[in-house]
């Protein structure tokens, strides 16, 4: 915030964003006044309301853009994890096939009715159960990642809608100001014609 003396009266003016952000870097300081600060300290209520509404819309739009980018990044990460879970399931199926083949051959070699054959069959059944459980876990993970990716995509779409709403809000603020200026000019013209 800075103070300016005008006709012997000291007035406080708003500090521009550029002035605040670059006060330490003389090369970045603008010599022109900040248009928003000028409008906000002009005393014109309609202009001040419109400027505040535009500032609010810009902040909402910026936040919505950031939210959308974060949601899209999260969706991509969730989709990548879903693919990884599906690959883990496929890898588990390949290992299961090798274990089954090895145990089946082993049972044939020692004889299926011998003690070693019975142990080999039991081992195959245990391995099948273990791998099936692991595959179900991988499927569950893939479904969870798919659902999370869907949620992230939905959040990105919501953020897109928020950006559109912020743009409409800014447009409405500017339309309000245009109507305000037009009505004010018409009122002043009518008053001048009556005088």
N, C-alpha and C. Protein backbone atom coordinates (compact mmCIF):
# COMPACT_ATOMS: atom_id res chain seq x y z
N UNK A 1 0.86 -1.16 0.00
CA UNK A 1 0.00 0.00 0.00
C UNK A 1 0.90 1.22 0.00
N UNK A 2 0.53 2.21 -0.80
CA UNK A 2 1.30 3.45 -0.84
C UNK A 2 0.35 4.61 -0.60
N UNK A 3 0.90 5.75 -0.19
CA UNK A 3 0.07 6.93 0.02
C UNK A 3 0.46 7.98 -1.00
N UNK A 4 -0.54 8.70 -1.47
CA UNK A 4 -0.33 9.73 -2.48
C UNK A 4 -0.99 11.00 -1.99
N UNK A 5 -0.31 12.14 -2.15
CA UNK A 5 -0.91 13.41 -1.74
C UNK A 5 -1.51 14.07 -2.97
N UNK A 6 -2.81 14.34 -2.91
CA UNK A 6 -3.51 14.98 -4.02
C UNK A 6 -4.17 16.22 -3.47
N UNK A 7 -3.79 17.40 -3.98
CA UNK A 7 -4.36 18.68 -3.55
C UNK A 7 -4.35 18.82 -2.03
N UNK A 8 -3.26 18.45 -1.40
CA UNK A 8 -3.12 18.59 0.03
C UNK A 8 -3.78 17.50 0.85
N UNK A 9 -4.47 16.55 0.20
CA UNK A 9 -5.13 15.46 0.91
C UNK A 9 -4.33 14.18 0.68
N UNK A 10 -4.04 13.48 1.76
CA UNK A 10 -3.30 12.22 1.64
C UNK A 10 -4.29 11.08 1.46
N UNK A 11 -4.10 10.28 0.41
CA UNK A 11 -4.98 9.15 0.14
C UNK A 11 -4.15 7.89 0.06
N UNK A 12 -4.71 6.80 0.56
CA UNK A 12 -4.04 5.50 0.44
C UNK A 12 -4.49 4.85 -0.85
N UNK A 13 -3.55 4.28 -1.59
CA UNK A 13 -3.90 3.56 -2.81
C UNK A 13 -3.50 2.12 -2.67
N UNK A 14 -4.17 1.28 -3.39
CA UNK A 14 -3.88 -0.16 -3.35
C UNK A 14 -2.53 -0.42 -4.00
N UNK A 15 -1.81 -1.38 -3.47
CA UNK A 15 -0.54 -1.79 -4.05
C UNK A 15 -0.83 -2.78 -5.16
N UNK A 16 -0.19 -2.58 -6.29
CA UNK A 16 -0.42 -3.50 -7.40
C UNK A 16 0.26 -4.83 -7.13
N UNK A 17 -0.26 -5.88 -7.74
CA UNK A 17 0.34 -7.20 -7.62
C UNK A 17 1.75 -7.19 -8.18
N UNK A 18 1.94 -6.50 -9.29
CA UNK A 18 3.26 -6.43 -9.92
C UNK A 18 4.24 -5.75 -8.98
N UNK A 19 3.80 -4.65 -8.34
CA UNK A 19 4.64 -3.91 -7.42
C UNK A 19 5.07 -4.79 -6.26
N UNK A 20 4.13 -5.53 -5.69
CA UNK A 20 4.41 -6.39 -4.55
C UNK A 20 5.33 -7.53 -4.94
N UNK A 21 5.05 -8.18 -6.04
CA UNK A 21 5.79 -9.37 -6.44
C UNK A 21 7.21 -9.04 -6.89
N UNK A 22 7.42 -7.83 -7.43
CA UNK A 22 8.71 -7.53 -8.01
C UNK A 22 9.42 -6.38 -7.31
N UNK A 23 9.02 -6.06 -6.10
CA UNK A 23 9.63 -4.94 -5.40
C UNK A 23 11.13 -5.13 -5.21
N UNK A 24 11.59 -6.36 -5.14
CA UNK A 24 13.01 -6.61 -4.94
C UNK A 24 13.78 -6.62 -6.25
N UNK A 25 13.10 -6.71 -7.39
CA UNK A 25 13.77 -6.76 -8.69
C UNK A 25 13.43 -5.49 -9.46
N UNK A 26 14.32 -4.49 -9.48
CA UNK A 26 14.02 -3.22 -10.14
C UNK A 26 13.74 -3.36 -11.63
N UNK A 27 14.28 -4.38 -12.27
CA UNK A 27 14.05 -4.57 -13.70
C UNK A 27 12.61 -4.97 -13.99
N UNK A 28 11.92 -5.54 -12.99
CA UNK A 28 10.56 -6.03 -13.20
C UNK A 28 9.49 -5.03 -12.75
N UNK A 29 9.84 -3.91 -12.13
CA UNK A 29 8.88 -2.94 -11.63
C UNK A 29 8.30 -2.17 -12.80
N UNK A 30 6.97 -2.14 -12.88
CA UNK A 30 6.29 -1.43 -13.95
C UNK A 30 6.20 0.05 -13.61
N UNK A 31 6.43 0.89 -14.59
CA UNK A 31 6.30 2.33 -14.39
C UNK A 31 4.86 2.79 -14.59
N UNK A 32 4.04 1.93 -15.16
CA UNK A 32 2.64 2.25 -15.37
C UNK A 32 1.83 1.88 -14.13
N UNK A 33 0.77 2.60 -13.86
CA UNK A 33 -0.05 2.25 -12.69
C UNK A 33 -0.80 0.95 -12.96
N UNK A 34 -1.08 0.23 -11.89
CA UNK A 34 -1.84 -1.01 -11.98
C UNK A 34 -3.30 -0.65 -12.29
N UNK A 35 -3.85 -1.14 -13.42
CA UNK A 35 -5.22 -0.76 -13.78
C UNK A 35 -6.25 -1.18 -12.74
N UNK A 36 -6.06 -2.34 -12.12
CA UNK A 36 -7.03 -2.77 -11.11
C UNK A 36 -7.00 -1.85 -9.91
N UNK A 37 -5.80 -1.45 -9.48
CA UNK A 37 -5.69 -0.55 -8.33
C UNK A 37 -6.31 0.80 -8.66
N UNK A 38 -6.11 1.24 -9.89
CA UNK A 38 -6.68 2.52 -10.29
C UNK A 38 -8.20 2.48 -10.27
N UNK A 39 -8.77 1.40 -10.75
CA UNK A 39 -10.23 1.27 -10.75
C UNK A 39 -10.76 1.15 -9.32
N UNK A 40 -10.08 0.34 -8.52
CA UNK A 40 -10.55 0.11 -7.15
C UNK A 40 -10.44 1.35 -6.28
N UNK A 41 -9.57 2.29 -6.63
CA UNK A 41 -9.45 3.50 -5.83
C UNK A 41 -10.07 4.71 -6.53
N UNK A 42 -10.86 4.47 -7.57
CA UNK A 42 -11.43 5.57 -8.35
C UNK A 42 -12.63 6.23 -7.69
N UNK A 43 -13.30 5.53 -6.79
CA UNK A 43 -14.50 6.07 -6.17
C UNK A 43 -15.76 5.75 -6.96
N UNK A 44 -15.63 5.16 -8.14
CA UNK A 44 -16.78 4.77 -8.96
C UNK A 44 -17.24 3.39 -8.47
N UNK A 45 -18.39 3.37 -7.79
CA UNK A 45 -18.88 2.13 -7.17
C UNK A 45 -19.11 1.04 -8.20
N UNK A 46 -19.71 1.38 -9.33
CA UNK A 46 -19.97 0.39 -10.37
C UNK A 46 -18.68 -0.21 -10.91
N UNK A 47 -17.69 0.64 -11.12
CA UNK A 47 -16.40 0.16 -11.62
C UNK A 47 -15.73 -0.73 -10.58
N UNK A 48 -15.83 -0.33 -9.31
CA UNK A 48 -15.22 -1.13 -8.25
C UNK A 48 -15.88 -2.50 -8.13
N UNK A 49 -17.22 -2.53 -8.21
CA UNK A 49 -17.93 -3.82 -8.14
C UNK A 49 -17.54 -4.70 -9.31
N UNK A 50 -17.49 -4.13 -10.51
CA UNK A 50 -17.11 -4.91 -11.69
C UNK A 50 -15.67 -5.40 -11.58
N UNK A 51 -14.77 -4.56 -11.11
CA UNK A 51 -13.36 -4.95 -10.98
C UNK A 51 -13.21 -6.07 -9.96
N UNK A 52 -13.91 -5.96 -8.84
CA UNK A 52 -13.85 -7.02 -7.83
C UNK A 52 -14.43 -8.32 -8.36
N UNK A 53 -15.53 -8.22 -9.11
CA UNK A 53 -16.13 -9.43 -9.69
C UNK A 53 -15.18 -10.08 -10.69
N UNK A 54 -14.52 -9.28 -11.51
CA UNK A 54 -13.55 -9.82 -12.48
C UNK A 54 -12.38 -10.47 -11.75
N UNK A 55 -11.88 -9.81 -10.69
CA UNK A 55 -10.79 -10.40 -9.91
C UNK A 55 -11.23 -11.74 -9.32
N UNK A 56 -12.43 -11.77 -8.76
CA UNK A 56 -12.95 -13.01 -8.17
C UNK A 56 -13.07 -14.10 -9.23
N UNK A 57 -13.58 -13.75 -10.39
CA UNK A 57 -13.70 -14.72 -11.48
C UNK A 57 -12.34 -15.24 -11.93
N UNK A 58 -11.35 -14.36 -11.99
CA UNK A 58 -10.01 -14.79 -12.39
C UNK A 58 -9.41 -15.75 -11.37
N UNK A 59 -9.63 -15.47 -10.09
CA UNK A 59 -9.13 -16.36 -9.03
C UNK A 59 -9.82 -17.72 -9.13
N UNK A 60 -11.15 -17.71 -9.31
CA UNK A 60 -11.89 -18.98 -9.45
C UNK A 60 -11.41 -19.76 -10.67
N UNK A 61 -11.20 -19.06 -11.77
CA UNK A 61 -10.76 -19.72 -13.00
C UNK A 61 -9.37 -20.33 -12.81
N UNK A 62 -8.48 -19.60 -12.18
CA UNK A 62 -7.13 -20.11 -11.93
C UNK A 62 -7.17 -21.34 -11.02
N UNK A 63 -7.96 -21.27 -9.96
CA UNK A 63 -8.06 -22.41 -9.04
C UNK A 63 -8.66 -23.62 -9.75
N UNK A 64 -9.65 -23.38 -10.60
CA UNK A 64 -10.27 -24.48 -11.33
C UNK A 64 -9.29 -25.11 -12.32
N UNK A 65 -8.46 -24.29 -12.96
CA UNK A 65 -7.44 -24.83 -13.87
C UNK A 65 -6.47 -25.73 -13.11
N UNK A 66 -6.02 -25.25 -11.95
CA UNK A 66 -5.10 -26.06 -11.14
C UNK A 66 -5.76 -27.36 -10.69
N UNK A 67 -7.02 -27.26 -10.27
CA UNK A 67 -7.75 -28.46 -9.83
C UNK A 67 -7.90 -29.44 -10.99
N UNK A 68 -8.20 -28.93 -12.16
CA UNK A 68 -8.37 -29.81 -13.33
C UNK A 68 -7.06 -30.50 -13.69
N UNK A 69 -5.96 -29.75 -13.68
CA UNK A 69 -4.67 -30.35 -14.00
C UNK A 69 -4.31 -31.43 -12.99
N UNK A 70 -4.57 -31.17 -11.71
CA UNK A 70 -4.27 -32.17 -10.68
C UNK A 70 -5.14 -33.41 -10.86
N UNK A 71 -6.42 -33.22 -11.17
CA UNK A 71 -7.33 -34.36 -11.37
C UNK A 71 -6.93 -35.18 -12.59
N UNK A 72 -6.53 -34.49 -13.66
CA UNK A 72 -6.09 -35.22 -14.86
C UNK A 72 -4.80 -36.00 -14.60
N UNK A 73 -3.89 -35.42 -13.83
CA UNK A 73 -2.65 -36.13 -13.49
C UNK A 73 -2.97 -37.35 -12.63
N UNK A 74 -3.91 -37.17 -11.69
CA UNK A 74 -4.30 -38.30 -10.84
C UNK A 74 -4.96 -39.40 -11.67
N UNK A 75 -5.78 -39.02 -12.64
CA UNK A 75 -6.43 -40.01 -13.51
C UNK A 75 -5.39 -40.80 -14.29
N UNK A 76 -4.38 -40.12 -14.82
CA UNK A 76 -3.32 -40.81 -15.56
C UNK A 76 -2.56 -41.77 -14.64
N UNK A 77 -2.27 -41.35 -13.43
CA UNK A 77 -1.55 -42.21 -12.49
C UNK A 77 -2.38 -43.44 -12.13
N UNK A 78 -3.68 -43.24 -11.91
CA UNK A 78 -4.56 -44.37 -11.56
C UNK A 78 -4.68 -45.34 -12.73
N UNK A 79 -4.77 -44.81 -13.94
CA UNK A 79 -4.84 -45.69 -15.11
C UNK A 79 -3.54 -46.49 -15.28
N UNK A 80 -2.41 -45.85 -15.01
CA UNK A 80 -1.13 -46.56 -15.09
C UNK A 80 -1.06 -47.67 -14.04
N UNK A 81 -1.58 -47.41 -12.86
CA UNK A 81 -1.59 -48.44 -11.82
C UNK A 81 -2.55 -49.58 -12.19
N UNK A 82 -3.65 -49.24 -12.85
CA UNK A 82 -4.58 -50.28 -13.30
C UNK A 82 -3.89 -51.21 -14.30
N UNK A 83 -3.17 -50.62 -15.25
CA UNK A 83 -2.44 -51.41 -16.23
C UNK A 83 -1.40 -52.29 -15.53
N UNK A 84 -0.72 -51.72 -14.54
CA UNK A 84 0.30 -52.49 -13.80
C UNK A 84 -0.35 -53.66 -13.06
N UNK A 85 -1.53 -53.46 -12.48
CA UNK A 85 -2.22 -54.55 -11.78
C UNK A 85 -2.62 -55.65 -12.75
N UNK A 86 -3.07 -55.28 -13.94
CA UNK A 86 -3.44 -56.28 -14.95
C UNK A 86 -2.21 -57.05 -15.40
N UNK A 87 -1.08 -56.36 -15.56
CA UNK A 87 0.16 -57.04 -15.93
C UNK A 87 0.62 -57.99 -14.83
N UNK A 88 0.44 -57.59 -13.57
CA UNK A 88 0.81 -58.46 -12.45
C UNK A 88 -0.04 -59.73 -12.47
N UNK A 89 -1.33 -59.57 -12.80
CA UNK A 89 -2.22 -60.74 -12.89
C UNK A 89 -1.75 -61.67 -14.01
N UNK A 90 -1.39 -61.10 -15.15
CA UNK A 90 -0.92 -61.92 -16.27
C UNK A 90 0.38 -62.64 -15.91
N UNK A 91 1.27 -61.96 -15.21
CA UNK A 91 2.51 -62.58 -14.80
C UNK A 91 2.24 -63.73 -13.83
N UNK A 92 1.30 -63.53 -12.92
CA UNK A 92 0.93 -64.58 -11.97
C UNK A 92 0.36 -65.80 -12.69
N UNK A 93 -0.40 -65.57 -13.74
CA UNK A 93 -0.97 -66.68 -14.52
C UNK A 93 0.14 -67.47 -15.22
N UNK A 94 1.14 -66.77 -15.73
CA UNK A 94 2.26 -67.47 -16.39
C UNK A 94 3.03 -68.32 -15.39
N UNK A 95 3.31 -67.76 -14.22
CA UNK A 95 4.04 -68.53 -13.20
C UNK A 95 3.21 -69.74 -12.77
N UNK A 96 1.90 -69.54 -12.61
CA UNK A 96 1.01 -70.64 -12.23
C UNK A 96 1.08 -71.76 -13.27
N UNK A 97 1.07 -71.40 -14.53
CA UNK A 97 1.14 -72.41 -15.59
C UNK A 97 2.44 -73.21 -15.50
N UNK A 98 3.56 -72.55 -15.24
CA UNK A 98 4.83 -73.25 -15.11
C UNK A 98 4.85 -74.16 -13.88
N UNK A 99 4.33 -73.69 -12.77
CA UNK A 99 4.29 -74.51 -11.55
C UNK A 99 3.40 -75.72 -11.77
N UNK A 100 2.22 -75.52 -12.38
CA UNK A 100 1.31 -76.64 -12.66
C UNK A 100 1.99 -77.67 -13.57
N UNK A 101 2.65 -77.17 -14.60
CA UNK A 101 3.33 -78.09 -15.52
C UNK A 101 4.41 -78.88 -14.79
N UNK A 102 5.21 -78.20 -13.98
CA UNK A 102 6.28 -78.88 -13.26
C UNK A 102 5.75 -79.90 -12.28
N UNK A 103 4.70 -79.57 -11.54
CA UNK A 103 4.13 -80.50 -10.57
C UNK A 103 3.44 -81.68 -11.26
N UNK A 104 2.80 -81.43 -12.40
CA UNK A 104 2.16 -82.52 -13.14
C UNK A 104 3.20 -83.50 -13.66
N UNK A 105 4.29 -82.98 -14.23
CA UNK A 105 5.37 -83.84 -14.71
C UNK A 105 5.98 -84.60 -13.54
N UNK A 106 6.20 -83.92 -12.42
CA UNK A 106 6.77 -84.57 -11.25
C UNK A 106 5.88 -85.69 -10.74
N UNK A 107 4.58 -85.47 -10.72
CA UNK A 107 3.64 -86.52 -10.29
C UNK A 107 3.68 -87.71 -11.24
N UNK A 108 3.83 -87.47 -12.52
CA UNK A 108 3.91 -88.56 -13.50
C UNK A 108 5.19 -89.36 -13.33
N UNK A 109 6.28 -88.64 -13.04
CA UNK A 109 7.58 -89.30 -12.92
C UNK A 109 7.58 -90.24 -11.71
N UNK A 110 7.08 -89.77 -10.58
CA UNK A 110 7.13 -90.59 -9.37
C UNK A 110 5.94 -91.54 -9.27
N UNK A 111 4.97 -91.34 -10.11
CA UNK A 111 3.77 -92.19 -10.07
C UNK A 111 2.69 -91.47 -9.28
N UNK A 112 1.53 -91.39 -9.87
CA UNK A 112 0.46 -90.60 -9.26
C UNK A 112 -0.10 -91.23 -7.99
N UNK A 113 0.06 -92.53 -7.82
CA UNK A 113 -0.49 -93.16 -6.62
C UNK A 113 0.53 -93.27 -5.49
N UNK A 114 1.78 -92.92 -5.75
CA UNK A 114 2.80 -92.98 -4.70
C UNK A 114 2.64 -91.80 -3.75
N UNK A 115 3.34 -91.84 -2.64
CA UNK A 115 3.30 -90.75 -1.65
C UNK A 115 3.81 -89.46 -2.27
N UNK A 116 4.89 -89.53 -3.01
CA UNK A 116 5.44 -88.34 -3.67
C UNK A 116 4.46 -87.79 -4.69
N UNK A 117 3.74 -88.68 -5.39
CA UNK A 117 2.73 -88.25 -6.36
C UNK A 117 1.58 -87.53 -5.67
N UNK A 118 1.15 -88.07 -4.53
CA UNK A 118 0.06 -87.43 -3.77
C UNK A 118 0.52 -86.06 -3.27
N UNK A 119 1.76 -85.99 -2.80
CA UNK A 119 2.31 -84.70 -2.33
C UNK A 119 2.39 -83.72 -3.50
N UNK A 120 2.78 -84.19 -4.68
CA UNK A 120 2.85 -83.32 -5.86
C UNK A 120 1.46 -82.80 -6.23
N UNK A 121 0.44 -83.67 -6.17
CA UNK A 121 -0.94 -83.23 -6.48
C UNK A 121 -1.42 -82.22 -5.45
N UNK A 122 -1.10 -82.48 -4.18
CA UNK A 122 -1.49 -81.53 -3.13
C UNK A 122 -0.78 -80.20 -3.33
N UNK A 123 0.50 -80.27 -3.70
CA UNK A 123 1.26 -79.05 -3.98
C UNK A 123 0.66 -78.27 -5.14
N UNK A 124 0.23 -79.01 -6.18
CA UNK A 124 -0.41 -78.35 -7.33
C UNK A 124 -1.70 -77.67 -6.90
N UNK A 125 -2.51 -78.35 -6.10
CA UNK A 125 -3.77 -77.76 -5.64
C UNK A 125 -3.51 -76.52 -4.79
N UNK A 126 -2.48 -76.59 -3.92
CA UNK A 126 -2.13 -75.45 -3.08
C UNK A 126 -1.65 -74.28 -3.94
N UNK A 127 -0.78 -74.60 -4.91
CA UNK A 127 -0.27 -73.55 -5.80
C UNK A 127 -1.41 -72.93 -6.60
N UNK A 128 -2.34 -73.75 -7.11
CA UNK A 128 -3.48 -73.22 -7.86
C UNK A 128 -4.30 -72.25 -7.00
N UNK A 129 -4.56 -72.67 -5.77
CA UNK A 129 -5.34 -71.81 -4.87
C UNK A 129 -4.61 -70.51 -4.56
N UNK A 130 -3.31 -70.62 -4.32
CA UNK A 130 -2.50 -69.44 -4.01
C UNK A 130 -2.50 -68.46 -5.19
N UNK A 131 -2.26 -69.00 -6.39
CA UNK A 131 -2.21 -68.13 -7.57
C UNK A 131 -3.59 -67.55 -7.90
N UNK A 132 -4.65 -68.34 -7.72
CA UNK A 132 -6.00 -67.83 -7.97
C UNK A 132 -6.33 -66.67 -7.03
N UNK A 133 -5.94 -66.82 -5.77
CA UNK A 133 -6.17 -65.74 -4.79
C UNK A 133 -5.39 -64.49 -5.19
N UNK A 134 -4.14 -64.68 -5.61
CA UNK A 134 -3.33 -63.55 -6.05
C UNK A 134 -3.92 -62.85 -7.26
N UNK A 135 -4.45 -63.64 -8.18
CA UNK A 135 -5.07 -63.07 -9.38
C UNK A 135 -6.32 -62.27 -9.02
N UNK A 136 -7.09 -62.77 -8.06
CA UNK A 136 -8.28 -62.04 -7.62
C UNK A 136 -7.88 -60.72 -6.96
N UNK A 137 -6.78 -60.76 -6.18
CA UNK A 137 -6.28 -59.51 -5.59
C UNK A 137 -5.89 -58.52 -6.68
N UNK A 138 -5.20 -59.02 -7.71
CA UNK A 138 -4.80 -58.16 -8.82
C UNK A 138 -6.02 -57.59 -9.55
N UNK A 139 -7.06 -58.42 -9.74
CA UNK A 139 -8.29 -57.94 -10.38
C UNK A 139 -8.95 -56.86 -9.53
N UNK A 140 -8.98 -57.10 -8.21
CA UNK A 140 -9.58 -56.11 -7.30
C UNK A 140 -8.81 -54.79 -7.36
N UNK A 141 -7.49 -54.89 -7.38
CA UNK A 141 -6.67 -53.68 -7.49
C UNK A 141 -6.95 -52.95 -8.79
N UNK A 142 -7.05 -53.70 -9.89
CA UNK A 142 -7.31 -53.09 -11.20
C UNK A 142 -8.66 -52.38 -11.18
N UNK A 143 -9.68 -53.01 -10.58
CA UNK A 143 -11.00 -52.38 -10.51
C UNK A 143 -10.96 -51.13 -9.64
N UNK A 144 -10.22 -51.19 -8.52
CA UNK A 144 -10.10 -50.01 -7.65
C UNK A 144 -9.41 -48.86 -8.37
N UNK A 145 -8.34 -49.18 -9.11
CA UNK A 145 -7.64 -48.14 -9.87
C UNK A 145 -8.53 -47.58 -10.97
N UNK A 146 -9.33 -48.44 -11.60
CA UNK A 146 -10.25 -48.00 -12.63
C UNK A 146 -11.28 -47.04 -12.03
N UNK A 147 -11.82 -47.39 -10.87
CA UNK A 147 -12.80 -46.53 -10.21
C UNK A 147 -12.16 -45.20 -9.82
N UNK A 148 -10.95 -45.24 -9.29
CA UNK A 148 -10.26 -44.01 -8.91
C UNK A 148 -9.98 -43.14 -10.13
N UNK A 149 -9.61 -43.78 -11.23
CA UNK A 149 -9.37 -43.02 -12.47
C UNK A 149 -10.68 -42.36 -12.94
N UNK A 150 -11.79 -43.09 -12.82
CA UNK A 150 -13.09 -42.52 -13.18
C UNK A 150 -13.44 -41.33 -12.31
N UNK A 151 -13.17 -41.45 -11.01
CA UNK A 151 -13.42 -40.33 -10.10
C UNK A 151 -12.56 -39.12 -10.47
N UNK A 152 -11.30 -39.37 -10.79
CA UNK A 152 -10.40 -38.28 -11.15
C UNK A 152 -10.86 -37.61 -12.45
N UNK A 153 -11.31 -38.42 -13.41
CA UNK A 153 -11.82 -37.84 -14.66
C UNK A 153 -13.07 -37.00 -14.39
N UNK A 154 -13.93 -37.48 -13.51
CA UNK A 154 -15.13 -36.73 -13.15
C UNK A 154 -14.75 -35.41 -12.48
N UNK A 155 -13.74 -35.45 -11.61
CA UNK A 155 -13.29 -34.22 -10.95
C UNK A 155 -12.71 -33.25 -11.98
N UNK A 156 -12.01 -33.78 -12.98
CA UNK A 156 -11.46 -32.92 -14.03
C UNK A 156 -12.58 -32.27 -14.83
N UNK A 157 -13.63 -33.03 -15.11
CA UNK A 157 -14.78 -32.47 -15.83
C UNK A 157 -15.48 -31.41 -14.98
N UNK A 158 -15.60 -31.66 -13.68
CA UNK A 158 -16.20 -30.67 -12.78
C UNK A 158 -15.38 -29.39 -12.77
N UNK A 159 -14.05 -29.55 -12.74
CA UNK A 159 -13.17 -28.38 -12.76
C UNK A 159 -13.33 -27.63 -14.08
N UNK A 160 -13.49 -28.36 -15.17
CA UNK A 160 -13.72 -27.72 -16.47
C UNK A 160 -15.00 -26.90 -16.42
N UNK A 161 -16.04 -27.46 -15.82
CA UNK A 161 -17.31 -26.74 -15.67
C UNK A 161 -17.13 -25.50 -14.80
N UNK A 162 -16.30 -25.61 -13.77
CA UNK A 162 -16.04 -24.47 -12.90
C UNK A 162 -15.33 -23.36 -13.66
N UNK A 163 -14.41 -23.74 -14.55
CA UNK A 163 -13.74 -22.75 -15.39
C UNK A 163 -14.77 -22.04 -16.26
N UNK A 164 -15.66 -22.81 -16.87
CA UNK A 164 -16.71 -22.21 -17.70
C UNK A 164 -17.59 -21.28 -16.88
N UNK A 165 -17.93 -21.70 -15.66
CA UNK A 165 -18.74 -20.85 -14.78
C UNK A 165 -17.99 -19.56 -14.43
N UNK A 166 -16.70 -19.67 -14.15
CA UNK A 166 -15.90 -18.48 -13.83
C UNK A 166 -15.84 -17.55 -15.03
N UNK A 167 -15.69 -18.11 -16.23
CA UNK A 167 -15.69 -17.27 -17.43
C UNK A 167 -17.03 -16.54 -17.59
N UNK A 168 -18.12 -17.26 -17.34
CA UNK A 168 -19.45 -16.64 -17.41
C UNK A 168 -19.60 -15.54 -16.35
N UNK A 169 -19.04 -15.80 -15.16
CA UNK A 169 -19.10 -14.82 -14.07
C UNK A 169 -18.36 -13.55 -14.47
N UNK A 170 -17.18 -13.71 -15.07
CA UNK A 170 -16.41 -12.55 -15.52
C UNK A 170 -17.17 -11.81 -16.60
N UNK A 171 -17.76 -12.56 -17.54
CA UNK A 171 -18.54 -11.92 -18.61
C UNK A 171 -19.73 -11.16 -18.04
N UNK A 172 -20.40 -11.77 -17.06
CA UNK A 172 -21.55 -11.09 -16.43
C UNK A 172 -21.10 -9.82 -15.72
N UNK A 173 -19.93 -9.86 -15.08
CA UNK A 173 -19.42 -8.66 -14.39
C UNK A 173 -19.14 -7.55 -15.40
N UNK A 174 -18.55 -7.93 -16.53
CA UNK A 174 -18.26 -6.93 -17.56
C UNK A 174 -19.54 -6.41 -18.20
N UNK A 175 -20.52 -7.29 -18.41
CA UNK A 175 -21.82 -6.86 -18.94
C UNK A 175 -22.50 -5.90 -17.96
N UNK A 176 -22.41 -6.23 -16.65
CA UNK A 176 -22.98 -5.35 -15.63
C UNK A 176 -22.35 -3.97 -15.72
N UNK A 177 -21.02 -3.96 -15.82
CA UNK A 177 -20.34 -2.67 -15.86
C UNK A 177 -20.71 -1.89 -17.12
N UNK A 178 -20.82 -2.57 -18.24
CA UNK A 178 -21.21 -1.90 -19.48
C UNK A 178 -22.62 -1.30 -19.33
N UNK A 179 -23.53 -2.05 -18.75
CA UNK A 179 -24.89 -1.56 -18.54
C UNK A 179 -24.88 -0.39 -17.54
N UNK A 180 -24.05 -0.51 -16.52
CA UNK A 180 -23.93 0.54 -15.51
C UNK A 180 -23.44 1.85 -16.15
N UNK A 181 -22.40 1.74 -16.98
CA UNK A 181 -21.83 2.92 -17.63
C UNK A 181 -22.86 3.53 -18.59
N UNK A 182 -23.55 2.68 -19.34
CA UNK A 182 -24.56 3.18 -20.29
C UNK A 182 -25.68 3.90 -19.55
N UNK A 183 -26.19 3.28 -18.48
CA UNK A 183 -27.27 3.89 -17.70
C UNK A 183 -26.81 5.18 -17.06
N UNK A 184 -25.61 5.20 -16.57
CA UNK A 184 -25.09 6.42 -15.94
C UNK A 184 -24.95 7.54 -16.96
N UNK A 185 -24.46 7.21 -18.15
CA UNK A 185 -24.32 8.22 -19.21
C UNK A 185 -25.68 8.75 -19.64
N UNK A 186 -26.67 7.85 -19.76
CA UNK A 186 -28.02 8.29 -20.13
C UNK A 186 -28.62 9.19 -19.06
N UNK A 187 -28.39 8.85 -17.81
CA UNK A 187 -28.91 9.66 -16.70
C UNK A 187 -28.28 11.04 -16.70
N UNK A 188 -26.96 11.09 -16.92
CA UNK A 188 -26.27 12.38 -16.95
C UNK A 188 -26.72 13.21 -18.16
N UNK A 189 -26.92 12.55 -19.29
CA UNK A 189 -27.39 13.25 -20.49
C UNK A 189 -28.79 13.81 -20.27
N UNK A 190 -29.67 13.00 -19.68
CA UNK A 190 -31.04 13.47 -19.41
C UNK A 190 -31.03 14.63 -18.41
N UNK A 191 -30.18 14.57 -17.41
CA UNK A 191 -30.09 15.64 -16.43
C UNK A 191 -29.57 16.93 -17.08
N UNK A 192 -28.59 16.77 -17.97
CA UNK A 192 -28.03 17.92 -18.65
C UNK A 192 -29.05 18.58 -19.60
N UNK A 193 -29.90 17.78 -20.23
CA UNK A 193 -30.91 18.30 -21.14
C UNK A 193 -32.01 19.05 -20.38
N UNK A 194 -32.29 18.59 -19.16
CA UNK A 194 -33.32 19.26 -18.33
C UNK A 194 -32.80 20.58 -17.79
N UNK A 195 -31.51 20.70 -17.63
CA UNK A 195 -30.96 21.92 -16.99
C UNK A 195 -30.89 23.09 -17.90
